[in-house]
Amino acid sequence: MSISIPDDRRIYAVGDIHGMRLPLLDLLSKIDNDIKGNVQDPEMAHLVFLGDYVDRGTDSKAVLDLLTSDLPAPATFLAGNHEQTLLRFLLEPEIVDQWRYFGGLETLTSYGVDVKEVRIGRGFAAARDAFVERLPQSHLRFFQHLQPSAESGEYFFCHAGVRPGVPLDRQDPRDLMWIREEFLNFDGPFEKTIVHGHTPGEEVYIGRHRINVDTGAYATRKLSAICLSGPSRRAISSG
């Protein structure tokens, strides 16, 4: 049985960016060229970003500058676990003592926050206050309005995956951002094909029931997307 999206749609689902500006620029250029070369009506094209825009890489602020400016097509932005942690930091500055171990300090540094005190386990509130002062309102609105999931045709898009046995319209937002083994180890079908990131692999994984678009850009400089058009499924990567 073929799996497809509506005939009036061509979707480019983009994996975890993690503060990698140059791979993002390269991938957006390739998507733009793909749209111009293969889409008769540009309004058919739509981007879905699967979350984790920040952390680990050194250019999180520059990535947000790009994502909040002109893109090759209209876009839907989904929430990742790293964005959830960033928003928690605004309310609970002590969370940075955990966040610093998975890329938070790189994000703060990209916004011009001095993190020397945080590195030695103190100055959490001062770092939060400095971040709030330097965070553009357009970036704050971006983080606050991220969606937990999206759907088109026979595809369901989320950051991390879904909990097996739970209807897609009843999934816990935390699972959509954080789940891993319970989802990845499940070999049965879902209501729709799940398109996700969160767990990096060497290549885009296109399986029977799920598609993983995370190719570990922060470590490999390879940022990937999956192009979905009718029954076609085709990977595009930077580099």
C-alpha atoms as a PDB file:
ATOM      1  CA  MET A   1       0.000   0.000   0.000  1.00  0.00           C
ATOM      2  CA  SER A   2       1.456   3.377  -0.952  1.00  0.00           C
ATOM      3  CA  ILE A   3       1.601   6.204   1.570  1.00  0.00           C
ATOM      4  CA  SER A   4       1.073   9.734   0.358  1.00  0.00           C
ATOM      5  CA  ILE A   5       0.213  13.316   1.185  1.00  0.00           C
ATOM      6  CA  PRO A   6      -2.479  15.394  -0.561  1.00  0.00           C
ATOM      7  CA  ASP A   7      -1.864  16.192  -4.231  1.00  0.00           C
ATOM      8  CA  ASP A   8      -1.745  19.921  -3.471  1.00  0.00           C
ATOM      9  CA  ARG A   9       1.144  19.549  -1.008  1.00  0.00           C
ATOM     10  CA  ARG A  10       4.903  19.021  -1.182  1.00  0.00           C
ATOM     11  CA  ILE A  11       6.396  18.847   2.284  1.00  0.00           C
ATOM     12  CA  TYR A  12      10.027  19.232   3.326  1.00  0.00           C
ATOM     13  CA  ALA A  13      10.477  17.993   6.908  1.00  0.00           C
ATOM     14  CA  VAL A  14      13.750  19.224   8.403  1.00  0.00           C
ATOM     15  CA  GLY A  15      15.614  17.407  11.179  1.00  0.00           C
ATOM     16  CA  ASP A  16      17.414  18.674  14.280  1.00  0.00           C
ATOM     17  CA  ILE A  17      19.442  21.824  13.551  1.00  0.00           C
ATOM     18  CA  HIS A  18      21.107  22.264  16.967  1.00  0.00           C
ATOM     19  CA  GLY A  19      22.667  25.661  16.412  1.00  0.00           C
ATOM     20  CA  MET A  20      24.340  24.797  13.088  1.00  0.00           C
ATOM     21  CA  ARG A  21      23.887  27.883  10.899  1.00  0.00           C
ATOM     22  CA  LEU A  22      25.993  26.912   7.885  1.00  0.00           C
ATOM     23  CA  PRO A  23      24.395  23.475   7.324  1.00  0.00           C
ATOM     24  CA  LEU A  24      20.990  25.166   7.680  1.00  0.00           C
ATOM     25  CA  LEU A  25      21.878  27.762   5.048  1.00  0.00           C
ATOM     26  CA  ASP A  26      23.085  25.035   2.700  1.00  0.00           C
ATOM     27  CA  LEU A  27      19.991  22.876   3.197  1.00  0.00           C
ATOM     28  CA  LEU A  28      17.612  25.808   2.743  1.00  0.00           C
ATOM     29  CA  SER A  29      19.377  26.675  -0.514  1.00  0.00           C
ATOM     30  CA  LYS A  30      18.969  23.087  -1.728  1.00  0.00           C
ATOM     31  CA  ILE A  31      15.297  23.068  -0.764  1.00  0.00           C
ATOM     32  CA  ASP A  32      14.773  26.386  -2.542  1.00  0.00           C
ATOM     33  CA  ASN A  33      16.377  24.994  -5.703  1.00  0.00           C
ATOM     34  CA  ASP A  34      14.316  21.819  -5.403  1.00  0.00           C
ATOM     35  CA  ILE A  35      11.105  23.837  -5.168  1.00  0.00           C
ATOM     36  CA  LYS A  36      12.037  25.983  -8.158  1.00  0.00           C
ATOM     37  CA  GLY A  37      13.034  22.961 -10.222  1.00  0.00           C
ATOM     38  CA  ASN A  38      10.235  20.557  -9.342  1.00  0.00           C
ATOM     39  CA  VAL A  39       7.143  22.419  -8.146  1.00  0.00           C
ATOM     40  CA  GLN A  40       4.920  24.033 -10.768  1.00  0.00           C
ATOM     41  CA  ASP A  41       2.976  25.959  -8.150  1.00  0.00           C
ATOM     42  CA  PRO A  42       5.279  27.222  -5.359  1.00  0.00           C
ATOM     43  CA  GLU A  43       2.271  27.437  -3.022  1.00  0.00           C
ATOM     44  CA  MET A  44       2.274  23.625  -2.942  1.00  0.00           C
ATOM     45  CA  ALA A  45       5.522  23.644  -0.940  1.00  0.00           C
ATOM     46  CA  HIS A  46       5.551  23.694   2.848  1.00  0.00           C
ATOM     47  CA  LEU A  47       8.356  23.270   5.384  1.00  0.00           C
ATOM     48  CA  VAL A  48       7.961  21.362   8.653  1.00  0.00           C
ATOM     49  CA  PHE A  49      10.796  21.831  11.148  1.00  0.00           C
ATOM     50  CA  LEU A  50      10.915  18.970  13.641  1.00  0.00           C
ATOM     51  CA  GLY A  51      12.407  20.823  16.623  1.00  0.00           C
ATOM     52  CA  ASP A  52      15.738  21.159  18.434  1.00  0.00           C
ATOM     53  CA  TYR A  53      16.825  24.405  16.809  1.00  0.00           C
ATOM     54  CA  VAL A  54      19.199  25.323  19.657  1.00  0.00           C
ATOM     55  CA  ASP A  55      22.003  23.873  21.817  1.00  0.00           C
ATOM     56  CA  ARG A  56      25.184  21.902  21.096  1.00  0.00           C
ATOM     57  CA  GLY A  57      26.235  23.946  18.038  1.00  0.00           C
ATOM     58  CA  THR A  58      27.681  27.446  18.425  1.00  0.00           C
ATOM     59  CA  ASP A  59      25.204  29.486  16.363  1.00  0.00           C
ATOM     60  CA  SER A  60      21.792  29.089  17.996  1.00  0.00           C
ATOM     61  CA  LYS A  61      21.000  32.809  17.851  1.00  0.00           C
ATOM     62  CA  ALA A  62      21.968  32.964  14.164  1.00  0.00           C
ATOM     63  CA  VAL A  63      19.772  29.926  13.483  1.00  0.00           C
ATOM     64  CA  LEU A  64      16.819  31.700  15.098  1.00  0.00           C
ATOM     65  CA  ASP A  65      17.582  34.830  13.069  1.00  0.00           C
ATOM     66  CA  LEU A  66      17.269  32.701   9.924  1.00  0.00           C
ATOM     67  CA  LEU A  67      14.125  30.869  10.984  1.00  0.00           C
ATOM     68  CA  THR A  68      12.340  34.099  11.922  1.00  0.00           C
ATOM     69  CA  SER A  69      13.143  35.719   8.557  1.00  0.00           C
ATOM     70  CA  ASP A  70      12.339  34.755   4.957  1.00  0.00           C
ATOM     71  CA  LEU A  71      12.279  31.039   4.156  1.00  0.00           C
ATOM     72  CA  PRO A  72      11.856  29.248   0.801  1.00  0.00           C
ATOM     73  CA  ALA A  73       8.233  28.370   1.669  1.00  0.00           C
ATOM     74  CA  PRO A  74       5.689  28.749   4.487  1.00  0.00           C
ATOM     75  CA  ALA A  75       6.694  26.762   7.549  1.00  0.00           C
ATOM     76  CA  THR A  76       5.348  24.925  10.573  1.00  0.00           C
ATOM     77  CA  PHE A  77       7.682  24.789  13.577  1.00  0.00           C
ATOM     78  CA  LEU A  78       7.444  21.939  16.071  1.00  0.00           C
ATOM     79  CA  ALA A  79       8.731  21.876  19.641  1.00  0.00           C
ATOM     80  CA  GLY A  80      11.770  19.837  20.640  1.00  0.00           C
ATOM     81  CA  ASN A  81      12.982  18.882  24.093  1.00  0.00           C
ATOM     82  CA  HIS A  82      15.764  21.468  23.901  1.00  0.00           C
ATOM     83  CA  GLU A  83      13.276  24.307  23.341  1.00  0.00           C
ATOM     84  CA  GLN A  84      11.215  23.048  26.260  1.00  0.00           C
ATOM     85  CA  THR A  85      14.325  23.190  28.448  1.00  0.00           C
ATOM     86  CA  LEU A  86      15.134  26.719  27.267  1.00  0.00           C
ATOM     87  CA  LEU A  87      11.644  27.896  28.216  1.00  0.00           C
ATOM     88  CA  ARG A  88      11.947  26.199  31.609  1.00  0.00           C
ATOM     89  CA  PHE A  89      15.199  28.088  32.165  1.00  0.00           C
ATOM     90  CA  LEU A  90      13.318  31.390  31.850  1.00  0.00           C
ATOM     91  CA  LEU A  91      11.126  30.365  34.791  1.00  0.00           C
ATOM     92  CA  GLU A  92      13.501  28.090  36.711  1.00  0.00           C
ATOM     93  CA  PRO A  93      17.084  29.344  36.270  1.00  0.00           C
ATOM     94  CA  GLU A  94      18.475  26.458  38.337  1.00  0.00           C
ATOM     95  CA  ILE A  95      17.611  24.105  35.439  1.00  0.00           C
ATOM     96  CA  VAL A  96      20.743  25.413  33.710  1.00  0.00           C
ATOM     97  CA  ASP A  97      22.756  23.173  36.043  1.00  0.00           C
ATOM     98  CA  GLN A  98      21.342  20.271  33.981  1.00  0.00           C
ATOM     99  CA  TRP A  99      20.951  22.122  30.670  1.00  0.00           C
ATOM    100  CA  ARG A 100      24.676  22.896  30.540  1.00  0.00           C
ATOM    101  CA  TYR A 101      25.410  19.194  30.005  1.00  0.00           C
ATOM    102  CA  PHE A 102      23.458  18.997  26.740  1.00  0.00           C
ATOM    103  CA  GLY A 103      24.257  22.240  25.003  1.00  0.00           C
ATOM    104  CA  GLY A 104      22.668  25.027  26.978  1.00  0.00           C
ATOM    105  CA  LEU A 105      25.846  27.000  27.548  1.00  0.00           C
ATOM    106  CA  GLU A 106      26.537  27.112  23.815  1.00  0.00           C
ATOM    107  CA  THR A 107      23.092  28.643  23.329  1.00  0.00           C
ATOM    108  CA  LEU A 108      23.577  31.233  26.062  1.00  0.00           C
ATOM    109  CA  THR A 109      27.013  32.141  24.697  1.00  0.00           C
ATOM    110  CA  SER A 110      25.554  32.644  21.217  1.00  0.00           C
ATOM    111  CA  TYR A 111      23.299  35.335  22.725  1.00  0.00           C
ATOM    112  CA  GLY A 112      26.241  37.036  24.407  1.00  0.00           C
ATOM    113  CA  VAL A 113      25.674  35.716  27.937  1.00  0.00           C
ATOM    114  CA  ASP A 114      28.782  35.271  30.078  1.00  0.00           C
ATOM    115  CA  VAL A 115      28.636  31.683  31.387  1.00  0.00           C
ATOM    116  CA  LYS A 116      31.841  31.533  33.445  1.00  0.00           C
ATOM    117  CA  GLU A 117      29.951  31.427  36.752  1.00  0.00           C
ATOM    118  CA  VAL A 118      27.475  28.846  35.467  1.00  0.00           C
ATOM    119  CA  ARG A 119      30.371  26.548  34.517  1.00  0.00           C
ATOM    120  CA  ILE A 120      31.340  26.327  38.176  1.00  0.00           C
ATOM    121  CA  GLY A 121      27.791  25.815  39.408  1.00  0.00           C
ATOM    122  CA  ARG A 122      26.626  29.260  40.428  1.00  0.00           C
ATOM    123  CA  GLY A 123      25.197  32.518  39.041  1.00  0.00           C
ATOM    124  CA  PHE A 124      22.151  30.779  37.542  1.00  0.00           C
ATOM    125  CA  ALA A 125      19.667  33.619  38.111  1.00  0.00           C
ATOM    126  CA  ALA A 126      22.133  36.213  36.809  1.00  0.00           C
ATOM    127  CA  ALA A 127      22.626  34.157  33.642  1.00  0.00           C
ATOM    128  CA  ARG A 128      18.859  33.899  33.188  1.00  0.00           C
ATOM    129  CA  ASP A 129      18.457  37.651  33.624  1.00  0.00           C
ATOM    130  CA  ALA A 130      21.217  38.342  31.090  1.00  0.00           C
ATOM    131  CA  PHE A 131      19.598  35.939  28.632  1.00  0.00           C
ATOM    132  CA  VAL A 132      16.184  37.592  29.018  1.00  0.00           C
ATOM    133  CA  GLU A 133      17.796  40.968  28.369  1.00  0.00           C
ATOM    134  CA  ARG A 134      19.470  39.755  25.160  1.00  0.00           C
ATOM    135  CA  LEU A 135      16.701  37.514  23.801  1.00  0.00           C
ATOM    136  CA  PRO A 136      14.880  39.275  20.916  1.00  0.00           C
ATOM    137  CA  GLN A 137      11.109  39.348  21.274  1.00  0.00           C
ATOM    138  CA  SER A 138      10.784  37.645  17.886  1.00  0.00           C
ATOM    139  CA  HIS A 139      12.825  34.721  19.200  1.00  0.00           C
ATOM    140  CA  LEU A 140      10.804  34.517  22.421  1.00  0.00           C
ATOM    141  CA  ARG A 141       7.552  34.445  20.434  1.00  0.00           C
ATOM    142  CA  PHE A 142       9.028  31.730  18.233  1.00  0.00           C
ATOM    143  CA  PHE A 143       9.804  29.520  21.232  1.00  0.00           C
ATOM    144  CA  GLN A 144       6.429  30.194  22.873  1.00  0.00           C
ATOM    145  CA  HIS A 145       4.374  29.309  19.795  1.00  0.00           C
ATOM    146  CA  LEU A 146       5.992  26.023  18.760  1.00  0.00           C
ATOM    147  CA  GLN A 147       3.498  23.261  18.034  1.00  0.00           C
ATOM    148  CA  PRO A 148       3.657  19.759  19.560  1.00  0.00           C
ATOM    149  CA  SER A 149       2.827  17.996  16.283  1.00  0.00           C
ATOM    150  CA  ALA A 150       1.444  18.368  12.771  1.00  0.00           C
ATOM    151  CA  GLU A 151      -0.296  16.120  10.252  1.00  0.00           C
ATOM    152  CA  SER A 152      -0.681  15.964   6.490  1.00  0.00           C
ATOM    153  CA  GLY A 153      -2.327  13.128   4.606  1.00  0.00           C
ATOM    154  CA  GLU A 154      -0.983   9.841   5.954  1.00  0.00           C
ATOM    155  CA  TYR A 155       1.948  11.439   7.826  1.00  0.00           C
ATOM    156  CA  PHE A 156       2.225  12.572  11.453  1.00  0.00           C
ATOM    157  CA  PHE A 157       5.094  14.907  12.340  1.00  0.00           C
ATOM    158  CA  CYS A 158       6.627  15.323  15.805  1.00  0.00           C
ATOM    159  CA  HIS A 159      10.032  15.784  17.373  1.00  0.00           C
ATOM    160  CA  ALA A 160      10.851  12.540  19.171  1.00  0.00           C
ATOM    161  CA  GLY A 161       8.133  10.011  18.371  1.00  0.00           C
ATOM    162  CA  VAL A 162       4.872   8.709  19.807  1.00  0.00           C
ATOM    163  CA  ARG A 163       3.855   6.270  22.525  1.00  0.00           C
ATOM    164  CA  PRO A 164       2.687   2.975  20.990  1.00  0.00           C
ATOM    165  CA  GLY A 165      -0.912   2.080  21.749  1.00  0.00           C
ATOM    166  CA  VAL A 166      -2.024   5.677  22.343  1.00  0.00           C
ATOM    167  CA  PRO A 167      -4.152   7.349  19.608  1.00  0.00           C
ATOM    168  CA  LEU A 168      -2.264  10.109  17.827  1.00  0.00           C
ATOM    169  CA  ASP A 169      -4.775  12.732  18.927  1.00  0.00           C
ATOM    170  CA  ARG A 170      -4.215  11.763  22.584  1.00  0.00           C
ATOM    171  CA  GLN A 171      -0.421  11.724  22.717  1.00  0.00           C
ATOM    172  CA  ASP A 172       1.261  13.372  25.705  1.00  0.00           C
ATOM    173  CA  PRO A 173       3.242  16.446  24.541  1.00  0.00           C
ATOM    174  CA  ARG A 174       6.154  15.302  26.710  1.00  0.00           C
ATOM    175  CA  ASP A 175       6.307  12.003  24.813  1.00  0.00           C
ATOM    176  CA  LEU A 176       6.223  13.888  21.507  1.00  0.00           C
ATOM    177  CA  MET A 177       9.347  15.787  22.620  1.00  0.00           C
ATOM    178  CA  TRP A 178      11.245  13.210  24.698  1.00  0.00           C
ATOM    179  CA  ILE A 179      10.293   9.581  23.994  1.00  0.00           C
ATOM    180  CA  ARG A 180      12.975   7.286  22.638  1.00  0.00           C
ATOM    181  CA  GLU A 181      13.314   3.529  23.290  1.00  0.00           C
ATOM    182  CA  GLU A 182       9.614   2.716  23.705  1.00  0.00           C
ATOM    183  CA  PHE A 183       8.962   4.264  20.295  1.00  0.00           C
ATOM    184  CA  LEU A 184      12.100   3.198  18.441  1.00  0.00           C
ATOM    185  CA  ASN A 185      11.849  -0.428  19.596  1.00  0.00           C
ATOM    186  CA  PHE A 186       8.211  -0.766  18.546  1.00  0.00           C
ATOM    187  CA  ASP A 187       7.873  -2.581  15.229  1.00  0.00           C
ATOM    188  CA  GLY A 188       4.121  -2.357  14.692  1.00  0.00           C
ATOM    189  CA  PRO A 189       2.121   0.143  12.647  1.00  0.00           C
ATOM    190  CA  PHE A 190       0.733   3.457  13.829  1.00  0.00           C
ATOM    191  CA  GLU A 191      -2.343   5.288  12.562  1.00  0.00           C
ATOM    192  CA  LYS A 192      -0.033   7.228  10.248  1.00  0.00           C
ATOM    193  CA  THR A 193       3.635   7.133   9.291  1.00  0.00           C
ATOM    194  CA  ILE A 194       5.589   9.023  11.973  1.00  0.00           C
ATOM    195  CA  VAL A 195       8.163  11.570  10.771  1.00  0.00           C
ATOM    196  CA  HIS A 196      10.535  12.525  13.586  1.00  0.00           C
ATOM    197  CA  GLY A 197      14.033  13.534  14.679  1.00  0.00           C
ATOM    198  CA  HIS A 198      15.585  13.464  18.183  1.00  0.00           C
ATOM    199  CA  THR A 199      17.727  10.329  17.725  1.00  0.00           C
ATOM    200  CA  PRO A 200      20.674  10.947  15.376  1.00  0.00           C
ATOM    201  CA  GLY A 201      21.720   8.450  12.720  1.00  0.00           C
ATOM    202  CA  GLU A 202      24.247   8.452   9.885  1.00  0.00           C
ATOM    203  CA  GLU A 203      21.538   8.686   7.221  1.00  0.00           C
ATOM    204  CA  VAL A 204      17.867   9.554   6.986  1.00  0.00           C
ATOM    205  CA  TYR A 205      16.001   6.395   8.028  1.00  0.00           C
ATOM    206  CA  ILE A 206      12.967   5.524   5.917  1.00  0.00           C
ATOM    207  CA  GLY A 207      11.200   2.550   7.480  1.00  0.00           C
ATOM    208  CA  ARG A 208       7.821   0.877   7.154  1.00  0.00           C
ATOM    209  CA  HIS A 209       6.169   2.874   9.910  1.00  0.00           C
ATOM    210  CA  ARG A 210       8.475   5.804  10.670  1.00  0.00           C
ATOM    211  CA  ILE A 211      10.992   8.174   9.091  1.00  0.00           C
ATOM    212  CA  ASN A 212      13.879   9.608  11.151  1.00  0.00           C
ATOM    213  CA  VAL A 213      15.345  12.821   9.704  1.00  0.00           C
ATOM    214  CA  ASP A 214      17.980  13.550  12.394  1.00  0.00           C
ATOM    215  CA  THR A 215      21.495  13.058  10.997  1.00  0.00           C
ATOM    216  CA  GLY A 216      23.368  14.620  13.945  1.00  0.00           C
ATOM    217  CA  ALA A 217      24.146  17.979  12.372  1.00  0.00           C
ATOM    218  CA  TYR A 218      25.981  19.298  15.448  1.00  0.00           C
ATOM    219  CA  ALA A 219      28.551  16.474  15.143  1.00  0.00           C
ATOM    220  CA  THR A 220      28.479  15.652  11.422  1.00  0.00           C
ATOM    221  CA  ARG A 221      27.597  19.046   9.897  1.00  0.00           C
ATOM    222  CA  LYS A 222      25.048  17.050   7.898  1.00  0.00           C
ATOM    223  CA  LEU A 223      21.564  18.513   8.238  1.00  0.00           C
ATOM    224  CA  SER A 224      18.827  16.577   6.467  1.00  0.00           C
ATOM    225  CA  ALA A 225      15.233  16.835   5.290  1.00  0.00           C
ATOM    226  CA  ILE A 226      12.756  14.411   3.791  1.00  0.00           C
ATOM    227  CA  CYS A 227      10.799  15.589   0.751  1.00  0.00           C
ATOM    228  CA  LEU A 228       7.287  14.119   0.651  1.00  0.00           C
ATOM    229  CA  SER A 229       5.325  14.488  -2.568  1.00  0.00           C
ATOM    230  CA  GLY A 230       2.455  12.156  -3.379  1.00  0.00           C
ATOM    231  CA  PRO A 231       3.815   8.638  -2.685  1.00  0.00           C
ATOM    232  CA  SER A 232       7.438   9.813  -3.171  1.00  0.00           C
ATOM    233  CA  ARG A 233       9.854  10.039  -0.213  1.00  0.00           C
ATOM    234  CA  ARG A 234      13.280  11.513  -0.947  1.00  0.00           C
ATOM    235  CA  ALA A 235      16.074  12.665   1.370  1.00  0.00           C
ATOM    236  CA  ILE A 236      17.959  15.948   0.905  1.00  0.00           C
ATOM    237  CA  SER A 237      21.059  16.787   2.978  1.00  0.00           C
ATOM    238  CA  SER A 238      23.517  19.628   3.367  1.00  0.00           C
ATOM    239  CA  GLY A 239      27.100  19.225   2.288  1.00  0.00           C
END
